[in-house]
Amino acid sequence: MTVQTRAWIDAAVAGIADRPALVILEPDSLAQLGNLPTNAARTDRTALIAYAAQALGALPATTVYLDGGNATWIRPAEMATGLRDAGVAHVRGFAVNVANFDAVDVCCTYANQITTELARLGAPGAGFVVDTSRNGNGAMNAEGQHVDWCNPAGRRLGVPSSIGVGGADYLLWIKVPGDSDGSCGVGQGIPAGAFSPYLAERLIDGW
């Protein structure tokens, strides 16, 4: 698998070449390291991300952000260690809140904590972007509880892609609004990754 993955990365790098591009590299790849069954598997994944980071980061007109998880998932110090090991020094920085629902201020607080930890680890200057595609109502339900990650009800489109605030480089719609998280929540029967007008309308109306 490592050989095939590196070949795919090489092909992607060749395809981008000198074209302007912004790459969000493998969302969830670092935040989910702990889900892998062995240290060897975690080491292999980190090495592959680092390979991609170095190759993509060397392109003349490409800006790259690695996976930075979200504010209620991985502690900032742990996330920073993963980013350092995965080659964040070779790219612009990291992305937070991809496919999640945390409000912009929550995301920026978390991301700035990561950048502080990265500086302590010898990797200063990392930037970050925030996925705002579904965070218009934040991540809390009416009872003040954090919503489930899988097609929760009551979410809304967030700020359209723009220059960032709170230290972020950009606010971006990274997760395609209307793409299902899986057959779950208000998306029962809709496969993961499938676009649903029904889910898109719910994000527009906030219900």
N, C-alpha and C. Protein backbone atom coordinates (compact mmCIF):
# COMPACT_ATOMS: atom_id res chain seq x y z
N MET A 1 0.82 -1.21 0.00
CA MET A 1 0.00 0.00 0.00
C MET A 1 0.85 1.26 0.00
N THR A 2 1.99 1.21 0.73
CA THR A 2 2.85 2.39 0.77
C THR A 2 3.35 2.76 -0.61
N VAL A 3 3.76 1.77 -1.40
CA VAL A 3 4.27 2.03 -2.75
C VAL A 3 3.18 2.66 -3.61
N GLN A 4 1.97 2.09 -3.55
CA GLN A 4 0.88 2.63 -4.35
C GLN A 4 0.50 4.04 -3.93
N THR A 5 0.53 4.28 -2.62
CA THR A 5 0.16 5.61 -2.14
C THR A 5 1.19 6.65 -2.57
N ARG A 6 2.44 6.30 -2.47
CA ARG A 6 3.48 7.24 -2.92
C ARG A 6 3.38 7.50 -4.41
N ALA A 7 3.04 6.48 -5.19
CA ALA A 7 2.86 6.67 -6.63
C ALA A 7 1.69 7.61 -6.90
N TRP A 8 0.60 7.47 -6.12
CA TRP A 8 -0.55 8.36 -6.29
C TRP A 8 -0.17 9.79 -5.94
N ILE A 9 0.59 9.97 -4.86
CA ILE A 9 1.04 11.30 -4.48
C ILE A 9 1.91 11.90 -5.57
N ASP A 10 2.83 11.11 -6.10
CA ASP A 10 3.71 11.60 -7.17
C ASP A 10 2.89 12.05 -8.38
N ALA A 11 1.84 11.28 -8.71
CA ALA A 11 1.00 11.64 -9.84
C ALA A 11 0.24 12.93 -9.58
N ALA A 12 -0.24 13.11 -8.35
CA ALA A 12 -0.95 14.34 -7.99
C ALA A 12 -0.01 15.54 -8.08
N VAL A 13 1.20 15.37 -7.59
CA VAL A 13 2.19 16.45 -7.64
C VAL A 13 2.49 16.82 -9.09
N ALA A 14 2.67 15.81 -9.93
CA ALA A 14 2.95 16.06 -11.35
C ALA A 14 1.76 16.74 -12.03
N GLY A 15 0.55 16.36 -11.62
CA GLY A 15 -0.64 16.96 -12.22
C GLY A 15 -0.81 18.42 -11.85
N ILE A 16 -0.46 18.78 -10.63
CA ILE A 16 -0.56 20.18 -10.22
C ILE A 16 0.55 21.00 -10.86
N ALA A 17 1.76 20.48 -10.79
CA ALA A 17 2.94 21.13 -11.38
C ALA A 17 3.03 22.60 -10.94
N ASP A 18 3.05 23.54 -11.90
CA ASP A 18 3.20 24.94 -11.55
C ASP A 18 1.88 25.70 -11.52
N ARG A 19 0.75 24.96 -11.54
CA ARG A 19 -0.55 25.61 -11.48
C ARG A 19 -0.82 26.11 -10.05
N PRO A 20 -1.52 27.23 -9.90
CA PRO A 20 -1.91 27.67 -8.56
C PRO A 20 -2.89 26.68 -7.94
N ALA A 21 -2.67 26.29 -6.70
CA ALA A 21 -3.55 25.33 -6.04
C ALA A 21 -3.49 25.54 -4.54
N LEU A 22 -4.61 25.23 -3.89
CA LEU A 22 -4.67 25.17 -2.43
C LEU A 22 -5.12 23.76 -2.08
N VAL A 23 -4.30 23.05 -1.31
CA VAL A 23 -4.54 21.64 -1.01
C VAL A 23 -4.79 21.45 0.48
N ILE A 24 -5.93 20.86 0.81
CA ILE A 24 -6.19 20.40 2.18
C ILE A 24 -5.84 18.92 2.18
N LEU A 25 -4.74 18.58 2.83
CA LEU A 25 -4.17 17.24 2.69
C LEU A 25 -4.76 16.26 3.71
N GLU A 26 -5.55 15.33 3.24
CA GLU A 26 -6.06 14.20 4.01
C GLU A 26 -6.70 14.59 5.35
N PRO A 27 -7.86 15.28 5.30
CA PRO A 27 -8.58 15.54 6.56
C PRO A 27 -8.82 14.26 7.35
N ASP A 28 -8.71 14.35 8.64
CA ASP A 28 -8.88 13.24 9.60
C ASP A 28 -7.69 12.30 9.67
N SER A 29 -6.71 12.45 8.80
CA SER A 29 -5.61 11.49 8.76
C SER A 29 -4.77 11.52 10.03
N LEU A 30 -4.52 12.68 10.58
CA LEU A 30 -3.74 12.78 11.81
C LEU A 30 -4.62 12.66 13.04
N ALA A 31 -5.80 13.27 12.99
CA ALA A 31 -6.69 13.20 14.14
C ALA A 31 -7.13 11.76 14.43
N GLN A 32 -7.15 10.93 13.41
CA GLN A 32 -7.56 9.53 13.60
C GLN A 32 -6.40 8.56 13.76
N LEU A 33 -5.21 9.05 13.97
CA LEU A 33 -4.06 8.15 14.15
C LEU A 33 -4.31 7.15 15.28
N GLY A 34 -4.93 7.62 16.34
CA GLY A 34 -5.17 6.75 17.48
C GLY A 34 -6.12 5.60 17.19
N ASN A 35 -6.85 5.67 16.08
CA ASN A 35 -7.76 4.59 15.72
C ASN A 35 -7.06 3.43 15.01
N LEU A 36 -5.81 3.66 14.59
CA LEU A 36 -5.08 2.60 13.90
C LEU A 36 -4.62 1.56 14.92
N PRO A 37 -4.54 0.29 14.52
CA PRO A 37 -4.35 -0.79 15.50
C PRO A 37 -2.93 -0.95 16.04
N THR A 38 -1.93 -0.46 15.31
CA THR A 38 -0.55 -0.71 15.73
C THR A 38 0.30 0.55 15.60
N ASN A 39 1.41 0.57 16.32
CA ASN A 39 2.37 1.66 16.18
C ASN A 39 2.93 1.71 14.77
N ALA A 40 3.13 0.54 14.18
CA ALA A 40 3.67 0.49 12.82
C ALA A 40 2.72 1.17 11.84
N ALA A 41 1.43 0.92 12.00
CA ALA A 41 0.45 1.54 11.11
C ALA A 41 0.43 3.06 11.29
N ARG A 42 0.55 3.51 12.53
CA ARG A 42 0.57 4.95 12.78
C ARG A 42 1.83 5.58 12.21
N THR A 43 2.96 4.88 12.34
CA THR A 43 4.21 5.39 11.78
C THR A 43 4.15 5.46 10.27
N ASP A 44 3.58 4.43 9.64
CA ASP A 44 3.47 4.41 8.18
C ASP A 44 2.60 5.56 7.68
N ARG A 45 1.46 5.78 8.36
CA ARG A 45 0.58 6.86 7.91
C ARG A 45 1.27 8.21 8.05
N THR A 46 1.92 8.44 9.17
CA THR A 46 2.60 9.71 9.38
C THR A 46 3.68 9.92 8.33
N ALA A 47 4.40 8.86 8.00
CA ALA A 47 5.46 8.97 6.99
C ALA A 47 4.88 9.30 5.61
N LEU A 48 3.73 8.72 5.29
CA LEU A 48 3.11 9.01 4.00
C LEU A 48 2.62 10.45 3.92
N ILE A 49 2.04 10.94 5.01
CA ILE A 49 1.61 12.34 5.03
C ILE A 49 2.82 13.26 4.89
N ALA A 50 3.91 12.93 5.60
CA ALA A 50 5.12 13.73 5.51
C ALA A 50 5.69 13.72 4.09
N TYR A 51 5.62 12.57 3.43
CA TYR A 51 6.08 12.47 2.04
C TYR A 51 5.26 13.40 1.15
N ALA A 52 3.94 13.36 1.33
CA ALA A 52 3.07 14.23 0.54
C ALA A 52 3.30 15.70 0.86
N ALA A 53 3.47 16.01 2.14
CA ALA A 53 3.69 17.39 2.55
C ALA A 53 4.95 17.95 1.92
N GLN A 54 6.01 17.17 1.93
CA GLN A 54 7.27 17.66 1.36
C GLN A 54 7.16 17.82 -0.15
N ALA A 55 6.52 16.85 -0.82
CA ALA A 55 6.41 16.91 -2.27
C ALA A 55 5.49 18.05 -2.72
N LEU A 56 4.33 18.15 -2.09
CA LEU A 56 3.40 19.21 -2.46
C LEU A 56 3.92 20.58 -2.03
N GLY A 57 4.54 20.63 -0.87
CA GLY A 57 5.06 21.89 -0.36
C GLY A 57 6.18 22.46 -1.21
N ALA A 58 6.82 21.62 -2.01
CA ALA A 58 7.91 22.09 -2.87
C ALA A 58 7.41 22.68 -4.18
N LEU A 59 6.13 22.51 -4.48
CA LEU A 59 5.59 23.06 -5.72
C LEU A 59 5.56 24.59 -5.65
N PRO A 60 5.80 25.26 -6.77
CA PRO A 60 6.00 26.71 -6.72
C PRO A 60 4.76 27.54 -6.44
N ALA A 61 3.58 27.03 -6.77
CA ALA A 61 2.36 27.85 -6.62
C ALA A 61 1.28 27.14 -5.82
N THR A 62 1.68 26.18 -4.99
CA THR A 62 0.72 25.40 -4.21
C THR A 62 0.85 25.73 -2.73
N THR A 63 -0.30 25.96 -2.10
CA THR A 63 -0.37 26.19 -0.66
C THR A 63 -1.04 24.98 -0.02
N VAL A 64 -0.40 24.41 0.99
CA VAL A 64 -0.85 23.14 1.56
C VAL A 64 -1.15 23.29 3.05
N TYR A 65 -2.26 22.67 3.48
CA TYR A 65 -2.63 22.61 4.89
C TYR A 65 -2.87 21.16 5.28
N LEU A 66 -2.25 20.72 6.36
CA LEU A 66 -2.43 19.37 6.87
C LEU A 66 -3.68 19.29 7.75
N ASP A 67 -3.98 18.09 8.22
CA ASP A 67 -5.14 17.87 9.08
C ASP A 67 -4.87 18.33 10.50
N GLY A 68 -5.72 19.26 10.99
CA GLY A 68 -5.57 19.73 12.36
C GLY A 68 -6.72 19.33 13.27
N GLY A 69 -7.60 18.43 12.81
CA GLY A 69 -8.70 17.96 13.64
C GLY A 69 -9.70 19.06 13.95
N ASN A 70 -10.37 18.96 15.10
CA ASN A 70 -11.29 20.00 15.53
C ASN A 70 -11.18 20.23 17.03
N ALA A 71 -11.83 21.26 17.49
CA ALA A 71 -11.58 21.78 18.84
C ALA A 71 -12.01 20.84 19.96
N THR A 72 -12.86 19.88 19.70
CA THR A 72 -13.32 18.99 20.78
C THR A 72 -12.83 17.56 20.58
N TRP A 73 -11.75 17.40 19.84
CA TRP A 73 -11.29 16.06 19.50
C TRP A 73 -9.93 15.76 20.11
N ILE A 74 -8.90 16.36 19.57
CA ILE A 74 -7.52 16.08 19.98
C ILE A 74 -6.95 17.30 20.71
N ARG A 75 -6.29 17.08 21.85
CA ARG A 75 -5.70 18.19 22.58
C ARG A 75 -4.64 18.91 21.74
N PRO A 76 -4.51 20.22 21.89
CA PRO A 76 -3.58 20.99 21.05
C PRO A 76 -2.15 20.46 21.07
N ALA A 77 -1.63 20.08 22.23
CA ALA A 77 -0.25 19.61 22.30
C ALA A 77 -0.07 18.31 21.51
N GLU A 78 -1.04 17.42 21.62
CA GLU A 78 -0.97 16.16 20.88
C GLU A 78 -1.08 16.40 19.38
N MET A 79 -2.01 17.30 19.00
CA MET A 79 -2.17 17.60 17.58
C MET A 79 -0.91 18.23 17.01
N ALA A 80 -0.29 19.10 17.79
CA ALA A 80 0.93 19.76 17.33
C ALA A 80 2.06 18.75 17.10
N THR A 81 2.17 17.78 17.99
CA THR A 81 3.20 16.75 17.81
C THR A 81 2.96 15.96 16.53
N GLY A 82 1.71 15.60 16.28
CA GLY A 82 1.39 14.89 15.05
C GLY A 82 1.70 15.71 13.82
N LEU A 83 1.37 16.99 13.86
CA LEU A 83 1.66 17.87 12.73
C LEU A 83 3.16 18.02 12.49
N ARG A 84 3.90 18.18 13.57
CA ARG A 84 5.36 18.28 13.42
C ARG A 84 5.92 17.02 12.76
N ASP A 85 5.49 15.87 13.25
CA ASP A 85 6.00 14.60 12.72
C ASP A 85 5.57 14.38 11.28
N ALA A 86 4.44 14.97 10.89
CA ALA A 86 3.92 14.79 9.54
C ALA A 86 4.42 15.84 8.56
N GLY A 87 5.36 16.68 8.99
CA GLY A 87 6.01 17.58 8.05
C GLY A 87 5.35 18.93 7.87
N VAL A 88 4.69 19.43 8.91
CA VAL A 88 4.03 20.74 8.78
C VAL A 88 5.03 21.84 8.45
N ALA A 89 6.29 21.65 8.79
CA ALA A 89 7.30 22.66 8.49
C ALA A 89 7.51 22.84 6.99
N HIS A 90 7.09 21.85 6.19
CA HIS A 90 7.26 21.92 4.74
C HIS A 90 6.09 22.60 4.04
N VAL A 91 5.02 22.91 4.78
CA VAL A 91 3.82 23.46 4.15
C VAL A 91 3.39 24.73 4.89
N ARG A 92 2.29 25.32 4.44
CA ARG A 92 1.83 26.56 5.05
C ARG A 92 1.31 26.35 6.46
N GLY A 93 0.60 25.23 6.71
CA GLY A 93 0.04 25.03 8.04
C GLY A 93 -0.96 23.90 8.09
N PHE A 94 -2.11 24.13 8.71
CA PHE A 94 -3.06 23.05 8.96
C PHE A 94 -4.50 23.58 8.87
N ALA A 95 -5.43 22.66 8.69
CA ALA A 95 -6.85 22.99 8.59
C ALA A 95 -7.58 22.43 9.80
N VAL A 96 -8.52 23.20 10.34
CA VAL A 96 -9.33 22.73 11.46
C VAL A 96 -10.82 22.76 11.09
N ASN A 97 -11.57 21.91 11.77
CA ASN A 97 -13.03 21.88 11.67
C ASN A 97 -13.53 21.29 10.35
N VAL A 98 -12.69 20.56 9.63
CA VAL A 98 -13.15 20.00 8.36
C VAL A 98 -14.29 19.02 8.62
N ALA A 99 -15.42 19.28 7.97
CA ALA A 99 -16.64 18.47 8.10
C ALA A 99 -17.23 18.54 9.50
N ASN A 100 -16.85 19.54 10.29
CA ASN A 100 -17.38 19.67 11.64
C ASN A 100 -18.18 20.95 11.76
N PHE A 101 -18.56 21.32 12.99
CA PHE A 101 -19.58 22.33 13.19
C PHE A 101 -19.21 23.42 14.18
N ASP A 102 -18.00 23.38 14.72
CA ASP A 102 -17.61 24.36 15.74
C ASP A 102 -17.61 25.78 15.17
N ALA A 103 -18.05 26.73 15.98
CA ALA A 103 -18.08 28.13 15.58
C ALA A 103 -16.67 28.64 15.30
N VAL A 104 -16.58 29.71 14.52
CA VAL A 104 -15.29 30.23 14.08
C VAL A 104 -14.41 30.62 15.27
N ASP A 105 -14.99 31.28 16.28
CA ASP A 105 -14.15 31.70 17.40
C ASP A 105 -13.59 30.51 18.17
N VAL A 106 -14.38 29.45 18.30
CA VAL A 106 -13.91 28.22 18.96
C VAL A 106 -12.77 27.61 18.15
N CYS A 107 -12.94 27.57 16.84
CA CYS A 107 -11.91 27.01 15.97
C CYS A 107 -10.61 27.80 16.03
N CYS A 108 -10.73 29.11 16.02
CA CYS A 108 -9.53 29.94 16.03
C CYS A 108 -8.78 29.83 17.36
N THR A 109 -9.52 29.76 18.45
CA THR A 109 -8.87 29.56 19.75
C THR A 109 -8.07 28.27 19.76
N TYR A 110 -8.69 27.20 19.28
CA TYR A 110 -8.02 25.90 19.22
C TYR A 110 -6.80 25.95 18.31
N ALA A 111 -6.97 26.51 17.12
CA ALA A 111 -5.87 26.55 16.17
C ALA A 111 -4.71 27.39 16.68
N ASN A 112 -5.00 28.50 17.32
CA ASN A 112 -3.92 29.31 17.88
C ASN A 112 -3.19 28.60 19.01
N GLN A 113 -3.89 27.76 19.76
CA GLN A 113 -3.24 26.93 20.77
C GLN A 113 -2.28 25.93 20.09
N ILE A 114 -2.69 25.38 18.97
CA ILE A 114 -1.81 24.47 18.23
C ILE A 114 -0.57 25.19 17.73
N THR A 115 -0.75 26.39 17.18
CA THR A 115 0.41 27.12 16.66
C THR A 115 1.40 27.44 17.78
N THR A 116 0.89 27.75 18.97
CA THR A 116 1.76 27.98 20.12
C THR A 116 2.56 26.73 20.45
N GLU A 117 1.87 25.59 20.46
CA GLU A 117 2.55 24.32 20.75
C GLU A 117 3.56 23.99 19.65
N LEU A 118 3.23 24.25 18.41
CA LEU A 118 4.17 23.99 17.32
C LEU A 118 5.43 24.83 17.48
N ALA A 119 5.27 26.06 17.87
CA ALA A 119 6.44 26.91 18.08
C ALA A 119 7.35 26.34 19.17
N ARG A 120 6.73 25.80 20.22
CA ARG A 120 7.52 25.18 21.28
C ARG A 120 8.26 23.94 20.79
N LEU A 121 7.70 23.30 19.78
CA LEU A 121 8.31 22.09 19.23
C LEU A 121 9.31 22.40 18.11
N GLY A 122 9.55 23.69 17.87
CA GLY A 122 10.52 24.07 16.86
C GLY A 122 9.95 24.21 15.47
N ALA A 123 8.63 24.38 15.37
CA ALA A 123 7.99 24.56 14.06
C ALA A 123 7.12 25.82 14.10
N PRO A 124 7.76 26.99 14.20
CA PRO A 124 6.99 28.24 14.30
C PRO A 124 6.43 28.68 12.94
N GLY A 125 5.47 29.59 12.99
CA GLY A 125 5.00 30.23 11.77
C GLY A 125 3.92 29.51 11.01
N ALA A 126 3.38 28.44 11.57
CA ALA A 126 2.34 27.71 10.85
C ALA A 126 1.06 28.54 10.79
N GLY A 127 0.44 28.57 9.61
CA GLY A 127 -0.85 29.21 9.46
C GLY A 127 -1.95 28.18 9.57
N PHE A 128 -3.20 28.63 9.52
CA PHE A 128 -4.31 27.69 9.56
C PHE A 128 -5.51 28.23 8.82
N VAL A 129 -6.38 27.31 8.40
CA VAL A 129 -7.66 27.65 7.79
C VAL A 129 -8.77 26.97 8.58
N VAL A 130 -9.98 27.51 8.48
CA VAL A 130 -11.13 26.98 9.19
C VAL A 130 -12.21 26.60 8.18
N ASP A 131 -12.73 25.39 8.31
CA ASP A 131 -13.86 24.97 7.48
C ASP A 131 -15.15 25.56 8.07
N THR A 132 -15.80 26.43 7.30
CA THR A 132 -17.03 27.08 7.76
C THR A 132 -18.26 26.60 6.98
N SER A 133 -18.13 25.47 6.29
CA SER A 133 -19.21 25.05 5.40
C SER A 133 -20.50 24.68 6.13
N ARG A 134 -20.39 24.31 7.43
CA ARG A 134 -21.59 23.86 8.13
C ARG A 134 -21.65 24.39 9.57
N ASN A 135 -20.93 25.44 9.87
CA ASN A 135 -20.82 25.86 11.27
C ASN A 135 -21.61 27.13 11.59
N GLY A 136 -22.59 27.46 10.76
CA GLY A 136 -23.34 28.70 10.97
C GLY A 136 -24.12 28.74 12.27
N ASN A 137 -24.51 27.59 12.79
CA ASN A 137 -25.19 27.52 14.08
C ASN A 137 -24.31 26.95 15.18
N GLY A 138 -23.02 26.83 14.91
CA GLY A 138 -22.13 26.25 15.90
C GLY A 138 -22.37 24.76 16.07
N ALA A 139 -21.80 24.20 17.14
CA ALA A 139 -21.85 22.75 17.35
C ALA A 139 -22.66 22.34 18.56
N MET A 140 -23.47 23.27 19.09
CA MET A 140 -24.27 22.96 20.27
C MET A 140 -25.74 22.88 19.89
N ASN A 141 -26.45 21.92 20.48
CA ASN A 141 -27.88 21.82 20.23
C ASN A 141 -28.66 22.70 21.21
N ALA A 142 -29.99 22.63 21.16
CA ALA A 142 -30.82 23.50 21.99
C ALA A 142 -30.63 23.23 23.48
N GLU A 143 -30.20 22.03 23.82
CA GLU A 143 -29.98 21.66 25.23
C GLU A 143 -28.57 21.98 25.70
N GLY A 144 -27.78 22.62 24.83
CA GLY A 144 -26.43 22.97 25.20
C GLY A 144 -25.44 21.81 25.12
N GLN A 145 -25.82 20.75 24.42
CA GLN A 145 -24.95 19.60 24.26
C GLN A 145 -24.27 19.64 22.89
N HIS A 146 -23.04 19.11 22.84
CA HIS A 146 -22.33 19.07 21.57
C HIS A 146 -23.00 18.08 20.64
N VAL A 147 -23.27 18.51 19.40
CA VAL A 147 -23.98 17.65 18.46
C VAL A 147 -23.09 16.51 17.97
N ASP A 148 -23.73 15.44 17.55
CA ASP A 148 -23.01 14.33 16.94
C ASP A 148 -22.42 14.81 15.61
N TRP A 149 -21.35 14.15 15.17
CA TRP A 149 -20.66 14.58 13.95
C TRP A 149 -21.38 14.14 12.68
N CYS A 150 -22.36 13.24 12.78
CA CYS A 150 -22.89 12.59 11.58
C CYS A 150 -24.27 13.11 11.20
N ASN A 151 -24.30 14.07 10.28
CA ASN A 151 -25.55 14.65 9.77
C ASN A 151 -26.49 15.10 10.89
N PRO A 152 -26.03 15.91 11.83
CA PRO A 152 -26.93 16.36 12.89
C PRO A 152 -27.95 17.37 12.38
N ALA A 153 -29.06 17.43 13.05
CA ALA A 153 -30.10 18.39 12.71
C ALA A 153 -29.72 19.79 13.21
N GLY A 154 -30.36 20.80 12.66
CA GLY A 154 -30.23 22.15 13.17
C GLY A 154 -28.96 22.87 12.84
N ARG A 155 -28.20 22.38 11.87
CA ARG A 155 -26.96 23.06 11.49
C ARG A 155 -27.26 24.01 10.32
N ARG A 156 -26.33 24.91 10.06
CA ARG A 156 -26.55 25.93 9.04
C ARG A 156 -25.24 26.24 8.32
N LEU A 157 -25.35 26.70 7.08
CA LEU A 157 -24.18 27.16 6.36
C LEU A 157 -23.46 28.24 7.16
N GLY A 158 -22.14 28.20 7.10
CA GLY A 158 -21.35 29.23 7.77
C GLY A 158 -20.92 30.31 6.80
N VAL A 159 -19.98 31.13 7.25
CA VAL A 159 -19.47 32.24 6.44
C VAL A 159 -18.89 31.70 5.13
N PRO A 160 -19.26 32.29 3.99
CA PRO A 160 -18.67 31.84 2.73
C PRO A 160 -17.15 32.00 2.74
N SER A 161 -16.49 31.28 1.87
CA SER A 161 -15.03 31.34 1.81
C SER A 161 -14.55 32.78 1.69
N SER A 162 -13.58 33.13 2.52
CA SER A 162 -13.11 34.51 2.59
C SER A 162 -11.76 34.55 3.27
N ILE A 163 -11.18 35.74 3.30
CA ILE A 163 -9.98 35.96 4.10
C ILE A 163 -10.33 35.69 5.56
N GLY A 164 -9.37 35.17 6.31
CA GLY A 164 -9.65 34.72 7.66
C GLY A 164 -9.76 35.82 8.69
N VAL A 165 -10.18 35.40 9.88
CA VAL A 165 -10.24 36.26 11.06
C VAL A 165 -9.62 35.49 12.21
N GLY A 166 -9.33 36.16 13.31
CA GLY A 166 -8.85 35.49 14.51
C GLY A 166 -7.55 34.73 14.32
N GLY A 167 -6.74 35.20 13.36
CA GLY A 167 -5.47 34.55 13.09
C GLY A 167 -5.50 33.57 11.95
N ALA A 168 -6.68 33.22 11.45
CA ALA A 168 -6.78 32.27 10.33
C ALA A 168 -6.34 32.92 9.02
N ASP A 169 -5.71 32.12 8.17
CA ASP A 169 -5.40 32.59 6.82
C ASP A 169 -6.68 32.80 6.02
N TYR A 170 -7.54 31.77 6.06
CA TYR A 170 -8.79 31.80 5.31
C TYR A 170 -9.90 31.10 6.09
N LEU A 171 -11.13 31.49 5.79
CA LEU A 171 -12.30 30.71 6.13
C LEU A 171 -12.76 30.07 4.83
N LEU A 172 -12.91 28.74 4.82
CA LEU A 172 -13.16 28.02 3.58
C LEU A 172 -14.31 27.05 3.71
N TRP A 173 -15.06 26.86 2.65
CA TRP A 173 -16.01 25.76 2.58
C TRP A 173 -15.24 24.55 2.05
N ILE A 174 -14.75 23.73 2.94
CA ILE A 174 -13.95 22.56 2.55
C ILE A 174 -14.85 21.34 2.35
N LYS A 175 -15.64 21.00 3.37
CA LYS A 175 -16.66 19.98 3.20
C LYS A 175 -17.74 20.56 2.28
N VAL A 176 -18.13 19.83 1.25
CA VAL A 176 -19.16 20.31 0.33
C VAL A 176 -20.51 20.31 1.06
N PRO A 177 -21.14 21.46 1.26
CA PRO A 177 -22.44 21.48 1.93
C PRO A 177 -23.45 20.63 1.15
N GLY A 178 -24.12 19.75 1.87
CA GLY A 178 -25.05 18.83 1.23
C GLY A 178 -24.50 17.45 1.02
N ASP A 179 -23.18 17.28 1.12
CA ASP A 179 -22.60 15.94 1.06
C ASP A 179 -22.84 15.22 2.38
N SER A 180 -23.34 14.00 2.29
CA SER A 180 -23.71 13.24 3.47
C SER A 180 -22.50 12.73 4.24
N ASP A 181 -22.63 12.67 5.57
CA ASP A 181 -21.63 12.02 6.41
C ASP A 181 -21.82 10.51 6.46
N GLY A 182 -22.94 10.03 5.96
CA GLY A 182 -23.26 8.61 6.00
C GLY A 182 -24.74 8.44 6.29
N SER A 183 -25.18 7.19 6.35
CA SER A 183 -26.58 6.91 6.63
C SER A 183 -26.83 7.05 8.12
N CYS A 184 -27.02 8.29 8.56
CA CYS A 184 -27.09 8.58 9.98
C CYS A 184 -27.74 9.94 10.17
N GLY A 185 -28.13 10.24 11.41
CA GLY A 185 -28.73 11.53 11.72
C GLY A 185 -29.91 11.82 10.81
N VAL A 186 -29.95 13.04 10.26
CA VAL A 186 -31.03 13.40 9.35
C VAL A 186 -30.73 12.94 7.92
N GLY A 187 -29.65 12.17 7.76
CA GLY A 187 -29.29 11.67 6.44
C GLY A 187 -29.47 10.17 6.30
N GLN A 188 -30.44 9.62 7.03
CA GLN A 188 -30.68 8.18 6.95
C GLN A 188 -30.92 7.76 5.49
N GLY A 189 -30.21 6.70 5.08
CA GLY A 189 -30.36 6.19 3.73
C GLY A 189 -29.52 6.89 2.68
N ILE A 190 -28.76 7.92 3.08
CA ILE A 190 -27.94 8.66 2.13
C ILE A 190 -26.48 8.27 2.35
N PRO A 191 -25.84 7.61 1.40
CA PRO A 191 -24.47 7.12 1.61
C PRO A 191 -23.48 8.25 1.86
N ALA A 192 -22.41 7.93 2.57
CA ALA A 192 -21.35 8.91 2.83
C ALA A 192 -20.79 9.44 1.51
N GLY A 193 -20.65 10.75 1.43
CA GLY A 193 -20.08 11.38 0.25
C GLY A 193 -21.07 11.71 -0.84
N ALA A 194 -22.29 11.21 -0.74
CA ALA A 194 -23.31 11.49 -1.76
C ALA A 194 -23.92 12.87 -1.51
N PHE A 195 -24.09 13.65 -2.57
CA PHE A 195 -24.73 14.95 -2.42
C PHE A 195 -26.24 14.76 -2.32
N SER A 196 -26.84 15.47 -1.38
CA SER A 196 -28.29 15.38 -1.17
C SER A 196 -28.90 16.77 -1.16
N PRO A 197 -29.79 17.09 -2.08
CA PRO A 197 -30.49 18.37 -2.02
C PRO A 197 -31.22 18.57 -0.70
N TYR A 198 -31.74 17.49 -0.14
CA TYR A 198 -32.43 17.56 1.14
C TYR A 198 -31.49 18.06 2.24
N LEU A 199 -30.28 17.49 2.32
CA LEU A 199 -29.32 17.93 3.33
C LEU A 199 -28.86 19.37 3.06
N ALA A 200 -28.71 19.71 1.79
CA ALA A 200 -28.30 21.07 1.45
C ALA A 200 -29.37 22.08 1.88
N GLU A 201 -30.63 21.75 1.63
CA GLU A 201 -31.71 22.64 2.02
C GLU A 201 -31.77 22.82 3.53
N ARG A 202 -31.52 21.76 4.26
CA ARG A 202 -31.51 21.87 5.72
C ARG A 202 -30.43 22.83 6.19
N LEU A 203 -29.27 22.81 5.54
CA LEU A 203 -28.19 23.73 5.91
C LEU A 203 -28.54 25.17 5.55
N ILE A 204 -29.26 25.35 4.45
CA ILE A 204 -29.68 26.70 4.07
C ILE A 204 -30.68 27.26 5.07
N ASP A 205 -31.63 26.43 5.48
CA ASP A 205 -32.71 26.87 6.36
C ASP A 205 -32.39 26.73 7.84
N GLY A 206 -31.36 25.95 8.18
CA GLY A 206 -30.97 25.79 9.57
C GLY A 206 -31.90 24.93 10.40
N TRP A 207 -32.41 23.84 9.80
CA TRP A 207 -33.33 22.97 10.54
C TRP A 207 -32.94 21.52 10.40
